[in-house]
C-alpha atoms as a PDB file:
ATOM      1  CA  MET A   1       8.598  -6.498  12.605  1.00  0.00           C
ATOM      2  CA  PRO A   2       7.335  -3.305  13.689  1.00  0.00           C
ATOM      3  CA  ASN A   3       4.716  -2.001  10.954  1.00  0.00           C
ATOM      4  CA  ALA A   4       4.831   1.227   8.968  1.00  0.00           C
ATOM      5  CA  LEU A   5       3.267   3.988  11.387  1.00  0.00           C
ATOM      6  CA  ALA A   6       5.982   2.890  14.097  1.00  0.00           C
ATOM      7  CA  HIS A   7       8.873   2.948  11.658  1.00  0.00           C
ATOM      8  CA  MET A   8       8.167   6.747  11.305  1.00  0.00           C
ATOM      9  CA  GLY A   9       7.612   8.148  13.945  1.00  0.00           C
ATOM     10  CA  VAL A  10      11.258   5.868  15.280  1.00  0.00           C
ATOM     11  CA  GLY A  11      12.503   7.651  12.185  1.00  0.00           C
ATOM     12  CA  ARG A  12      11.624  11.074  12.134  1.00  0.00           C
ATOM     13  CA  ILE A  13      12.721  11.620  15.327  1.00  0.00           C
ATOM     14  CA  THR A  14      16.168   9.968  15.084  1.00  0.00           C
ATOM     15  CA  GLY A  15      16.173  11.724  11.704  1.00  0.00           C
ATOM     16  CA  ARG A  16      16.005  14.950  12.590  1.00  0.00           C
ATOM     17  CA  ALA A  17      18.533  14.265  15.259  1.00  0.00           C
ATOM     18  CA  LEU A  18      21.103  13.423  13.090  1.00  0.00           C
ATOM     19  CA  PHE A  19      20.139  15.869  10.356  1.00  0.00           C
ATOM     20  CA  GLN A  20      19.150  19.061  10.624  1.00  0.00           C
ATOM     21  CA  ASP A  21      16.043  20.632   9.080  1.00  0.00           C
ATOM     22  CA  ALA A  22      15.897  17.119   7.030  1.00  0.00           C
ATOM     23  CA  ASP A  23      12.775  16.864   5.070  1.00  0.00           C
ATOM     24  CA  ASP A  24      10.195  14.614   6.294  1.00  0.00           C
ATOM     25  CA  LYS A  25       9.020  12.972   2.233  1.00  0.00           C
ATOM     26  CA  TRP A  26      12.448  11.528   2.401  1.00  0.00           C
ATOM     27  CA  LEU A  27      13.164  10.801   6.218  1.00  0.00           C
ATOM     28  CA  TYR A  28       9.380   8.315   5.714  1.00  0.00           C
ATOM     29  CA  PHE A  29      10.371   7.166   2.512  1.00  0.00           C
ATOM     30  CA  GLY A  30      13.882   5.876   3.962  1.00  0.00           C
ATOM     31  CA  CYS A  31      12.098   4.623   6.796  1.00  0.00           C
ATOM     32  CA  ILE A  32       9.988   1.844   4.611  1.00  0.00           C
ATOM     33  CA  LEU A  33      13.043   0.888   1.987  1.00  0.00           C
ATOM     34  CA  PRO A  34      13.731  -2.140   3.569  1.00  0.00           C
ATOM     35  CA  ASP A  35      10.294  -3.396   3.147  1.00  0.00           C
ATOM     36  CA  MET A  36      10.208  -2.684  -0.196  1.00  0.00           C
ATOM     37  CA  PRO A  37      11.320  -6.295  -1.089  1.00  0.00           C
ATOM     38  CA  TRP A  38       8.868  -7.823   0.666  1.00  0.00           C
ATOM     39  CA  ILE A  39       6.239  -5.809  -0.905  1.00  0.00           C
ATOM     40  CA  LEU A  40       7.288  -6.911  -4.315  1.00  0.00           C
ATOM     41  CA  GLN A  41       7.298 -10.355  -2.916  1.00  0.00           C
ATOM     42  CA  ARG A  42       3.386 -10.037  -2.225  1.00  0.00           C
ATOM     43  CA  VAL A  43       2.852  -8.710  -5.667  1.00  0.00           C
ATOM     44  CA  VAL A  44       4.278 -11.280  -7.504  1.00  0.00           C
ATOM     45  CA  THR A  45       2.634 -13.211  -4.739  1.00  0.00           C
ATOM     46  CA  GLY A  46      -0.565 -12.222  -5.590  1.00  0.00           C
ATOM     47  CA  LEU A  47      -0.298 -12.239  -9.168  1.00  0.00           C
ATOM     48  CA  ARG A  48       0.493 -15.750  -9.437  1.00  0.00           C
ATOM     49  CA  LEU A  49       3.626 -15.600 -12.181  1.00  0.00           C
ATOM     50  CA  GLY A  50       4.489 -18.966 -11.154  1.00  0.00           C
ATOM     51  CA  VAL A  51       8.239 -17.794  -9.191  1.00  0.00           C
ATOM     52  CA  ASP A  52       8.915 -20.833  -7.061  1.00  0.00           C
ATOM     53  CA  ALA A  53       8.387 -19.274  -3.703  1.00  0.00           C
ATOM     54  CA  LEU A  54      11.492 -20.648  -2.354  1.00  0.00           C
ATOM     55  CA  ASP A  55      14.099 -18.815  -4.988  1.00  0.00           C
ATOM     56  CA  LEU A  56      11.728 -16.210  -4.002  1.00  0.00           C
ATOM     57  CA  ARG A  57      11.880 -15.258  -0.165  1.00  0.00           C
ATOM     58  CA  LEU A  58      16.294 -15.913  -0.829  1.00  0.00           C
ATOM     59  CA  TYR A  59      16.168 -13.273  -3.595  1.00  0.00           C
ATOM     60  CA  VAL A  60      13.861 -10.840  -1.222  1.00  0.00           C
ATOM     61  CA  ILE A  61      15.602 -11.912   2.161  1.00  0.00           C
ATOM     62  CA  VAL A  62      19.357 -10.957  -0.200  1.00  0.00           C
ATOM     63  CA  GLN A  63      17.143  -7.793  -1.374  1.00  0.00           C
ATOM     64  CA  ALA A  64      16.415  -6.447   1.621  1.00  0.00           C
ATOM     65  CA  SER A  65      19.789  -6.704   3.309  1.00  0.00           C
ATOM     66  CA  PHE A  66      21.375  -2.875   4.657  1.00  0.00           C
ATOM     67  CA  PHE A  67      23.558  -3.507   1.901  1.00  0.00           C
ATOM     68  CA  PHE A  68      21.387  -3.555  -0.629  1.00  0.00           C
ATOM     69  CA  CYS A  69      19.658  -0.628   1.148  1.00  0.00           C
ATOM     70  CA  LEU A  70      22.313   1.571   0.641  1.00  0.00           C
ATOM     71  CA  ILE A  71      22.511   0.648  -2.995  1.00  0.00           C
ATOM     72  CA  LEU A  72      19.268   1.606  -3.455  1.00  0.00           C
ATOM     73  CA  SER A  73      19.627   4.323  -1.609  1.00  0.00           C
ATOM     74  CA  LEU A  74      22.149   5.712  -3.780  1.00  0.00           C
ATOM     75  CA  SER A  75      21.024   5.103  -6.680  1.00  0.00           C
ATOM     76  CA  LEU A  76      17.438   7.499  -5.601  1.00  0.00           C
ATOM     77  CA  ALA A  77      19.712  10.008  -3.873  1.00  0.00           C
ATOM     78  CA  LEU A  78      22.204  10.650  -7.166  1.00  0.00           C
ATOM     79  CA  LEU A  79      18.841  12.067  -8.763  1.00  0.00           C
ATOM     80  CA  SER A  80      18.116  14.990  -6.446  1.00  0.00           C
ATOM     81  CA  GLN A  81      20.313  18.044  -6.097  1.00  0.00           C
ATOM     82  CA  ARG A  82      21.769  17.193  -2.918  1.00  0.00           C
ATOM     83  CA  SER A  83      22.446  14.036  -3.229  1.00  0.00           C
ATOM     84  CA  LEU A  84      24.887  12.925   0.093  1.00  0.00           C
ATOM     85  CA  ARG A  85      22.693  14.441   2.370  1.00  0.00           C
ATOM     86  CA  ILE A  86      20.001  12.402   1.051  1.00  0.00           C
ATOM     87  CA  PHE A  87      21.815   9.354   0.336  1.00  0.00           C
ATOM     88  CA  LEU A  88      22.710   9.806   4.069  1.00  0.00           C
ATOM     89  CA  LEU A  89      19.441  10.613   5.242  1.00  0.00           C
ATOM     90  CA  LEU A  90      18.044   7.020   3.262  1.00  0.00           C
ATOM     91  CA  ALA A  91      20.799   5.057   4.680  1.00  0.00           C
ATOM     92  CA  VAL A  92      19.930   5.912   8.144  1.00  0.00           C
ATOM     93  CA  SER A  93      16.637   5.646   8.481  1.00  0.00           C
ATOM     94  CA  SER A  94      17.276   2.041   6.342  1.00  0.00           C
ATOM     95  CA  LEU A  95      19.278   0.940   9.626  1.00  0.00           C
ATOM     96  CA  GLY A  96      17.076   2.532  11.925  1.00  0.00           C
ATOM     97  CA  HIS A  97      14.258   0.347  10.348  1.00  0.00           C
ATOM     98  CA  LEU A  98      16.570  -2.487  10.131  1.00  0.00           C
ATOM     99  CA  LEU A  99      17.542  -2.159  13.951  1.00  0.00           C
ATOM    100  CA  LEU A 100      14.197  -1.457  15.048  1.00  0.00           C
ATOM    101  CA  ASP A 101      12.575  -5.037  13.358  1.00  0.00           C
ATOM    102  CA  ALA A 102      15.225  -6.615  14.737  1.00  0.00           C
ATOM    103  CA  THR A 103      13.976  -5.970  18.412  1.00  0.00           C
ATOM    104  CA  GLN A 104      10.547  -7.653  17.828  1.00  0.00           C
ATOM    105  CA  LEU A 105       9.642 -11.184  17.967  1.00  0.00           C
ATOM    106  CA  LYS A 106       9.723 -12.536  14.666  1.00  0.00           C
ATOM    107  CA  TRP A 107      10.142 -16.583  14.498  1.00  0.00           C
ATOM    108  CA  ALA A 108      12.116 -17.925  11.943  1.00  0.00           C
ATOM    109  CA  ASN A 109      13.368 -14.180  10.981  1.00  0.00           C
ATOM    110  CA  GLY A 110      15.311 -11.646  11.457  1.00  0.00           C
ATOM    111  CA  VAL A 111      17.220  -9.147   9.477  1.00  0.00           C
ATOM    112  CA  GLN A 112      20.803  -8.825   7.699  1.00  0.00           C
ATOM    113  CA  LEU A 113      23.014  -6.304   8.434  1.00  0.00           C
ATOM    114  CA  TRP A 114      26.061  -8.070   7.545  1.00  0.00           C
ATOM    115  CA  ALA A 115      25.229  -9.782   4.322  1.00  0.00           C
ATOM    116  CA  PRO A 116      27.033 -10.334   2.149  1.00  0.00           C
ATOM    117  CA  PHE A 117      30.182 -11.193   4.469  1.00  0.00           C
ATOM    118  CA  SER A 118      27.680 -13.371   6.712  1.00  0.00           C
ATOM    119  CA  TRP A 119      24.547 -14.471   6.121  1.00  0.00           C
ATOM    120  CA  ARG A 120      23.854 -14.520  10.156  1.00  0.00           C
ATOM    121  CA  LEU A 121      20.513 -13.499  10.623  1.00  0.00           C
ATOM    122  CA  VAL A 122      19.758 -10.474  13.214  1.00  0.00           C
ATOM    123  CA  HIS A 123      17.137 -11.138  16.071  1.00  0.00           C
ATOM    124  CA  PHE A 124      16.864  -9.648  19.464  1.00  0.00           C
ATOM    125  CA  GLY A 125      12.802 -10.460  19.626  1.00  0.00           C
ATOM    126  CA  PHE A 126      11.802  -8.537  22.918  1.00  0.00           C
ATOM    127  CA  TYR A 127       8.483  -8.125  22.035  1.00  0.00           C
ATOM    128  CA  TRP A 128       4.995  -9.549  19.565  1.00  0.00           C
ATOM    129  CA  PRO A 129       3.770  -6.834  17.249  1.00  0.00           C
ATOM    130  CA  GLU A 130       0.476  -7.272  19.543  1.00  0.00           C
ATOM    131  CA  SER A 131       2.831  -5.596  22.922  1.00  0.00           C
ATOM    132  CA  MET A 132       1.783  -2.604  24.075  1.00  0.00           C
ATOM    133  CA  VAL A 133       4.982  -1.508  23.169  1.00  0.00           C
ATOM    134  CA  THR A 134       4.173  -1.734  19.524  1.00  0.00           C
ATOM    135  CA  TYR A 135       0.618   0.115  20.149  1.00  0.00           C
ATOM    136  CA  LEU A 136       2.265   3.381  21.577  1.00  0.00           C
ATOM    137  CA  LEU A 137       5.120   3.030  18.870  1.00  0.00           C
ATOM    138  CA  SER A 138       2.271   2.850  16.253  1.00  0.00           C
ATOM    139  CA  ALA A 139       0.448   5.938  18.379  1.00  0.00           C
ATOM    140  CA  PHE A 140       3.173   7.838  18.124  1.00  0.00           C
ATOM    141  CA  GLY A 141       4.008   7.234  14.884  1.00  0.00           C
ATOM    142  CA  LEU A 142       0.788   8.735  13.299  1.00  0.00           C
ATOM    143  CA  ILE A 143       1.241  11.762  16.188  1.00  0.00           C
ATOM    144  CA  VAL A 144       4.028  12.728  14.459  1.00  0.00           C
ATOM    145  CA  VAL A 145       3.010  12.266  11.006  1.00  0.00           C
ATOM    146  CA  VAL A 146      -0.399  14.343  11.437  1.00  0.00           C
ATOM    147  CA  MET A 147       1.367  17.308  13.723  1.00  0.00           C
ATOM    148  CA  ASN A 148       3.827  17.609  11.213  1.00  0.00           C
ATOM    149  CA  TRP A 149       1.607  17.270   8.081  1.00  0.00           C
ATOM    150  CA  THR A 150       1.858  20.475   6.563  1.00  0.00           C
ATOM    151  CA  ALA A 151       5.463  21.243   6.812  1.00  0.00           C
ATOM    152  CA  GLY A 152       6.224  17.717   5.757  1.00  0.00           C
ATOM    153  CA  TRP A 153       4.514  18.382   1.902  1.00  0.00           C
ATOM    154  CA  GLN A 154       5.410  21.662   2.179  1.00  0.00           C
ATOM    155  CA  LYS A 155       8.992  21.373   2.038  1.00  0.00           C
ATOM    156  CA  PRO A 156      10.655  21.667  -1.171  1.00  0.00           C
ATOM    157  CA  VAL A 157      12.335  18.812  -2.957  1.00  0.00           C
ATOM    158  CA  PHE A 158      14.956  19.848  -6.033  1.00  0.00           C
ATOM    159  CA  VAL A 159      15.666  17.840  -8.627  1.00  0.00           C
ATOM    160  CA  PRO A 160      18.653  19.098 -11.017  1.00  0.00           C
ATOM    161  CA  TRP A 161      17.185  19.717 -14.855  1.00  0.00           C
ATOM    162  CA  PRO A 162      18.173  19.019 -17.513  1.00  0.00           C
ATOM    163  CA  PRO A 163      19.427  15.558 -15.999  1.00  0.00           C
ATOM    164  CA  VAL A 164      23.212  15.183 -15.341  1.00  0.00           C
ATOM    165  CA  ARG A 165      23.542  12.034 -17.795  1.00  0.00           C
ATOM    166  CA  TRP A 166      26.416  10.651 -15.454  1.00  0.00           C
ATOM    167  CA  ARG A 167      23.943  10.747 -12.932  1.00  0.00           C
ATOM    168  CA  TRP A 168      21.169   9.609 -14.300  1.00  0.00           C
ATOM    169  CA  LEU A 169      23.458   6.764 -15.780  1.00  0.00           C
ATOM    170  CA  ALA A 170      25.055   5.626 -12.296  1.00  0.00           C
ATOM    171  CA  SER A 171      21.422   5.893 -10.974  1.00  0.00           C
ATOM    172  CA  ALA A 172      20.138   3.605 -13.365  1.00  0.00           C
ATOM    173  CA  GLY A 173      23.211   1.193 -13.393  1.00  0.00           C
ATOM    174  CA  LEU A 174      22.572   0.737  -9.488  1.00  0.00           C
ATOM    175  CA  LEU A 175      19.129   0.189 -10.057  1.00  0.00           C
ATOM    176  CA  GLY A 176      20.425  -2.542 -12.203  1.00  0.00           C
ATOM    177  CA  VAL A 177      22.742  -3.483  -9.620  1.00  0.00           C
ATOM    178  CA  TYR A 178      19.885  -3.646  -7.005  1.00  0.00           C
ATOM    179  CA  LEU A 179      17.638  -5.710  -8.900  1.00  0.00           C
ATOM    180  CA  VAL A 180      20.316  -8.796 -10.697  1.00  0.00           C
ATOM    181  CA  LEU A 181      22.686  -9.304  -7.848  1.00  0.00           C
ATOM    182  CA  PRO A 182      20.667 -11.016  -5.751  1.00  0.00           C
ATOM    183  CA  LEU A 183      20.134 -13.782  -8.325  1.00  0.00           C
ATOM    184  CA  LEU A 184      23.648 -14.137  -7.736  1.00  0.00           C
ATOM    185  CA  LEU A 185      23.988 -14.198  -3.616  1.00  0.00           C
ATOM    186  CA  MET A 186      20.959 -16.833  -3.184  1.00  0.00           C
ATOM    187  CA  THR A 187      23.349 -19.161  -2.089  1.00  0.00           C
ATOM    188  CA  GLY A 188      24.304 -17.706   1.233  1.00  0.00           C
ATOM    189  CA  PRO A 189      21.090 -17.178   2.448  1.00  0.00           C
ATOM    190  CA  GLU A 190      19.638 -21.248   1.732  1.00  0.00           C
ATOM    191  CA  ALA A 191      23.496 -22.317   3.294  1.00  0.00           C
ATOM    192  CA  ALA A 192      22.453 -20.820   6.432  1.00  0.00           C
ATOM    193  CA  ASP A 193      19.071 -21.933   5.987  1.00  0.00           C
ATOM    194  CA  ASN A 194      17.682 -18.620   6.758  1.00  0.00           C
ATOM    195  CA  HIS A 195      13.855 -19.123   7.179  1.00  0.00           C
ATOM    196  CA  TYR A 196      14.366 -22.734   7.115  1.00  0.00           C
ATOM    197  CA  VAL A 197      14.374 -22.279   3.296  1.00  0.00           C
ATOM    198  CA  ALA A 198      16.638 -25.471   2.540  1.00  0.00           C
ATOM    199  CA  THR A 199      14.691 -27.436   5.074  1.00  0.00           C
ATOM    200  CA  LEU A 200      11.614 -26.652   3.436  1.00  0.00           C
ATOM    201  CA  ARG A 201      13.419 -27.274   0.087  1.00  0.00           C
ATOM    202  CA  HIS A 202      14.986 -31.238   0.590  1.00  0.00           C
ATOM    203  CA  ARG A 203      11.617 -32.256   1.770  1.00  0.00           C
ATOM    204  CA  ASP A 204      12.436 -35.990   1.640  1.00  0.00           C
ATOM    205  CA  ALA A 205      14.755 -34.572   4.650  1.00  0.00           C
ATOM    206  CA  ARG A 206      12.450 -33.124   7.044  1.00  0.00           C
ATOM    207  CA  PRO A 207      11.043 -35.484   9.361  1.00  0.00           C
ATOM    208  CA  GLY A 208      12.733 -34.666  12.627  1.00  0.00           C
ATOM    209  CA  ARG A 209      14.059 -31.319  11.874  1.00  0.00           C
ATOM    210  CA  PRO A 210      13.108 -28.105  13.642  1.00  0.00           C
ATOM    211  CA  ILE A 211      10.961 -25.742  12.030  1.00  0.00           C
ATOM    212  CA  ALA A 212       9.298 -21.951  12.323  1.00  0.00           C
ATOM    213  CA  PHE A 213       6.915 -20.147  10.418  1.00  0.00           C
ATOM    214  CA  ASP A 214       6.404 -16.427  10.833  1.00  0.00           C
ATOM    215  CA  ARG A 215       2.450 -15.167  10.297  1.00  0.00           C
ATOM    216  CA  CYS A 216       0.807 -18.517   8.820  1.00  0.00           C
ATOM    217  CA  GLN A 217      -2.664 -18.493   8.124  1.00  0.00           C
ATOM    218  CA  TYR A 218      -4.098 -21.465  10.385  1.00  0.00           C
ATOM    219  CA  ASP A 219      -7.443 -23.503   9.184  1.00  0.00           C
ATOM    220  CA  ALA A 220      -9.245 -24.193  11.852  1.00  0.00           C
ATOM    221  CA  ALA A 221     -11.882 -26.875  10.276  1.00  0.00           C
ATOM    222  CA  THR A 222      -8.691 -28.967   9.011  1.00  0.00           C
ATOM    223  CA  GLY A 223      -6.243 -28.272  11.311  1.00  0.00           C
ATOM    224  CA  THR A 224      -3.420 -27.334   9.009  1.00  0.00           C
ATOM    225  CA  ILE A 225      -1.663 -24.268   8.199  1.00  0.00           C
ATOM    226  CA  HIS A 226      -1.174 -23.035   5.060  1.00  0.00           C
ATOM    227  CA  ILE A 227       2.813 -21.835   4.809  1.00  0.00           C
ATOM    228  CA  PHE A 228       4.145 -19.107   2.391  1.00  0.00           C
ATOM    229  CA  THR A 229       5.306 -21.688  -0.302  1.00  0.00           C
ATOM    230  CA  GLY A 230       1.945 -22.203  -1.314  1.00  0.00           C
ATOM    231  CA  GLU A 231       2.144 -25.885   0.893  1.00  0.00           C
ATOM    232  CA  THR A 232      -0.712 -27.276   3.864  1.00  0.00           C
ATOM    233  CA  LEU A 233       1.105 -28.751   6.211  1.00  0.00           C
ATOM    234  CA  HIS A 234      -0.795 -30.804   8.931  1.00  0.00           C
ATOM    235  CA  VAL A 235      -0.119 -29.423  12.688  1.00  0.00           C
ATOM    236  CA  THR A 236      -0.705 -30.990  16.264  1.00  0.00           C
ATOM    237  CA  GLY A 237      -0.060 -29.909  19.592  1.00  0.00           C
ATOM    238  CA  PHE A 238      -2.258 -26.492  18.448  1.00  0.00           C
ATOM    239  CA  LYS A 239      -6.156 -25.876  18.383  1.00  0.00           C
ATOM    240  CA  TRP A 240      -7.918 -22.639  17.406  1.00  0.00           C
ATOM    241  CA  PRO A 241     -11.680 -21.871  17.234  1.00  0.00           C
ATOM    242  CA  ALA A 242     -11.588 -20.167  14.502  1.00  0.00           C
ATOM    243  CA  ALA A 243      -8.837 -19.475  11.441  1.00  0.00           C
ATOM    244  CA  THR A 244      -6.603 -16.909  12.455  1.00  0.00           C
ATOM    245  CA  ARG A 245      -2.843 -15.772  12.019  1.00  0.00           C
ATOM    246  CA  VAL A 246      -0.417 -17.643  14.028  1.00  0.00           C
ATOM    247  CA  SER A 247       3.503 -18.240  14.524  1.00  0.00           C
ATOM    248  CA  ILE A 248       4.693 -21.894  15.039  1.00  0.00           C
ATOM    249  CA  ARG A 249       7.704 -23.358  16.509  1.00  0.00           C
ATOM    250  CA  GLY A 250       7.952 -27.352  15.964  1.00  0.00           C
ATOM    251  CA  ARG A 251       9.730 -29.915  14.389  1.00  0.00           C
ATOM    252  CA  PHE A 252       8.896 -32.417  11.460  1.00  0.00           C
ATOM    253  CA  VAL A 253       7.357 -35.274  12.133  1.00  0.00           C
ATOM    254  CA  THR A 254       6.967 -36.329   8.574  1.00  0.00           C
ATOM    255  CA  PRO A 255       6.731 -34.242   5.246  1.00  0.00           C
ATOM    256  CA  ASP A 256       3.968 -32.961   5.440  1.00  0.00           C
ATOM    257  CA  ARG A 257       3.185 -32.839   9.202  1.00  0.00           C
ATOM    258  CA  VAL A 258       4.599 -30.577  12.203  1.00  0.00           C
ATOM    259  CA  ALA A 259       4.678 -31.161  15.760  1.00  0.00           C
ATOM    260  CA  VAL A 260       3.708 -27.702  17.223  1.00  0.00           C
ATOM    261  CA  ARG A 261       5.802 -27.008  20.116  1.00  0.00           C
ATOM    262  CA  THR A 262       5.016 -23.294  21.024  1.00  0.00           C
ATOM    263  CA  PHE A 263       2.641 -20.427  19.208  1.00  0.00           C
ATOM    264  CA  HIS A 264       1.422 -17.215  19.265  1.00  0.00           C
ATOM    265  CA  VAL A 265      -2.005 -15.977  17.859  1.00  0.00           C
ATOM    266  CA  HIS A 266      -1.336 -12.729  15.943  1.00  0.00           C
ATOM    267  CA  SER A 267      -3.755  -9.877  15.508  1.00  0.00           C
ATOM    268  CA  PRO A 268      -4.585  -8.263  12.521  1.00  0.00           C
ATOM    269  CA  PHE A 269      -3.466  -4.670  13.921  1.00  0.00           C
ATOM    270  CA  ARG A 270       0.265  -4.879  12.608  1.00  0.00           C
ATOM    271  CA  ASP A 271      -1.318  -5.123   8.817  1.00  0.00           C
ATOM    272  CA  LEU A 272      -3.985  -2.635   9.045  1.00  0.00           C
ATOM    273  CA  ALA A 273      -1.171  -0.104  11.041  1.00  0.00           C
ATOM    274  CA  SER A 274       1.359  -0.618   8.150  1.00  0.00           C
ATOM    275  CA  PHE A 275      -1.396   0.270   5.240  1.00  0.00           C
ATOM    276  CA  LEU A 276      -2.011   3.246   6.925  1.00  0.00           C
ATOM    277  CA  GLY A 277       1.611   4.154   7.540  1.00  0.00           C
ATOM    278  CA  LEU A 278       1.967   3.698   3.134  1.00  0.00           C
ATOM    279  CA  ALA A 279      -1.126   4.861   2.487  1.00  0.00           C
ATOM    280  CA  LEU A 280       0.021   8.340   4.485  1.00  0.00           C
ATOM    281  CA  ILE A 281       3.429   8.453   2.598  1.00  0.00           C
ATOM    282  CA  GLY A 282       1.745   8.135  -0.726  1.00  0.00           C
ATOM    283  CA  ILE A 283      -0.125  11.183   0.109  1.00  0.00           C
ATOM    284  CA  LEU A 284       2.372  13.092   1.311  1.00  0.00           C
ATOM    285  CA  TRP A 285       4.686  12.612  -1.775  1.00  0.00           C
ATOM    286  CA  PHE A 286       1.363  13.109  -4.266  1.00  0.00           C
ATOM    287  CA  ALA A 287       0.412  16.237  -2.280  1.00  0.00           C
ATOM    288  CA  ALA A 288       4.201  17.954  -2.870  1.00  0.00           C
ATOM    289  CA  VAL A 289       3.944  17.117  -6.355  1.00  0.00           C
ATOM    290  CA  SER A 290      -0.058  18.360  -6.467  1.00  0.00           C
ATOM    291  CA  ASN A 291       1.419  21.648  -4.992  1.00  0.00           C
ATOM    292  CA  LYS A 292       4.344  21.797  -7.145  1.00  0.00           C
ATOM    293  CA  ARG A 293       6.830  21.370  -4.349  1.00  0.00           C
ATOM    294  CA  ILE A 294       9.066  19.314  -6.282  1.00  0.00           C
ATOM    295  CA  ILE A 295      11.243  21.830  -8.162  1.00  0.00           C
ATOM    296  CA  LEU A 296      13.384  21.536 -11.690  1.00  0.00           C
ATOM    297  CA  ILE A 297      16.346  24.027 -10.656  1.00  0.00           C
ATOM    298  CA  ARG A 298      19.020  24.467 -13.358  1.00  0.00           C
ATOM    299  CA  VAL A 299      22.241  24.502 -11.655  1.00  0.00           C
ATOM    300  CA  LYS A 300      25.240  22.711 -11.216  1.00  0.00           C
ATOM    301  CA  VAL A 301      24.722  19.830  -8.433  1.00  0.00           C
ATOM    302  CA  ASP A 302      27.232  18.893  -5.958  1.00  0.00           C
END
């Protein structure tokens, strides 16, 4: 999927076109809202908390859907003064993020636009993360953020104070739904074999089944790939002179061996651009807080 910088550039242009004088801080935050579950997955995996990797992937697939982006958007918007405007801004930014994600090639992946009514992944697959389209979108995003930096942190965010009790309770309740409800919906994407989770779970039934992996780690010394479940699989039909990140499509020959039909080697550009984009968003909000642009107001909220 496109990196955070690309999402920020495209998101700001579309957001400003739909919402006159929209706050860049909210626009950029909405642009990364669908990525929050994937960031959580990295944290949980990195902390080695013993969570089953396949269950964690199913949870994240559900939570990253547009439906759950709407739930989180409403939870956050209820804490602001102009709750309806902020909700619409976050919702449109999230939808734009998902649609832009769908345009990029990402094997064994896609976006959930219709969940929980349908678990079919939406994936258009026009270009790779290492394509000129991605580089141009990323450069555009960085230019947009830098050119509008001062206006971005200076625009005030109004927060009702003292808090309106029902809004805070509703916000907390929606956040609870966002965190808990995915646990009840995980059977949907597993039945649809999203990200090949069902294929991977039934180890003995793997031989002969098609499989694809996105951005797995390849070990040149052993001719193996390390996948998101923590497993190490042997591969045939692919060889690279050094360790790298690679996407592959092929078929299981044995439960732990994959015959590769086609592959794509990745560069570290996507991760670096995403880290930079996330850092810029964090700094923008920090600048607003440190310069007292988060303003508590004693007015009746809409």
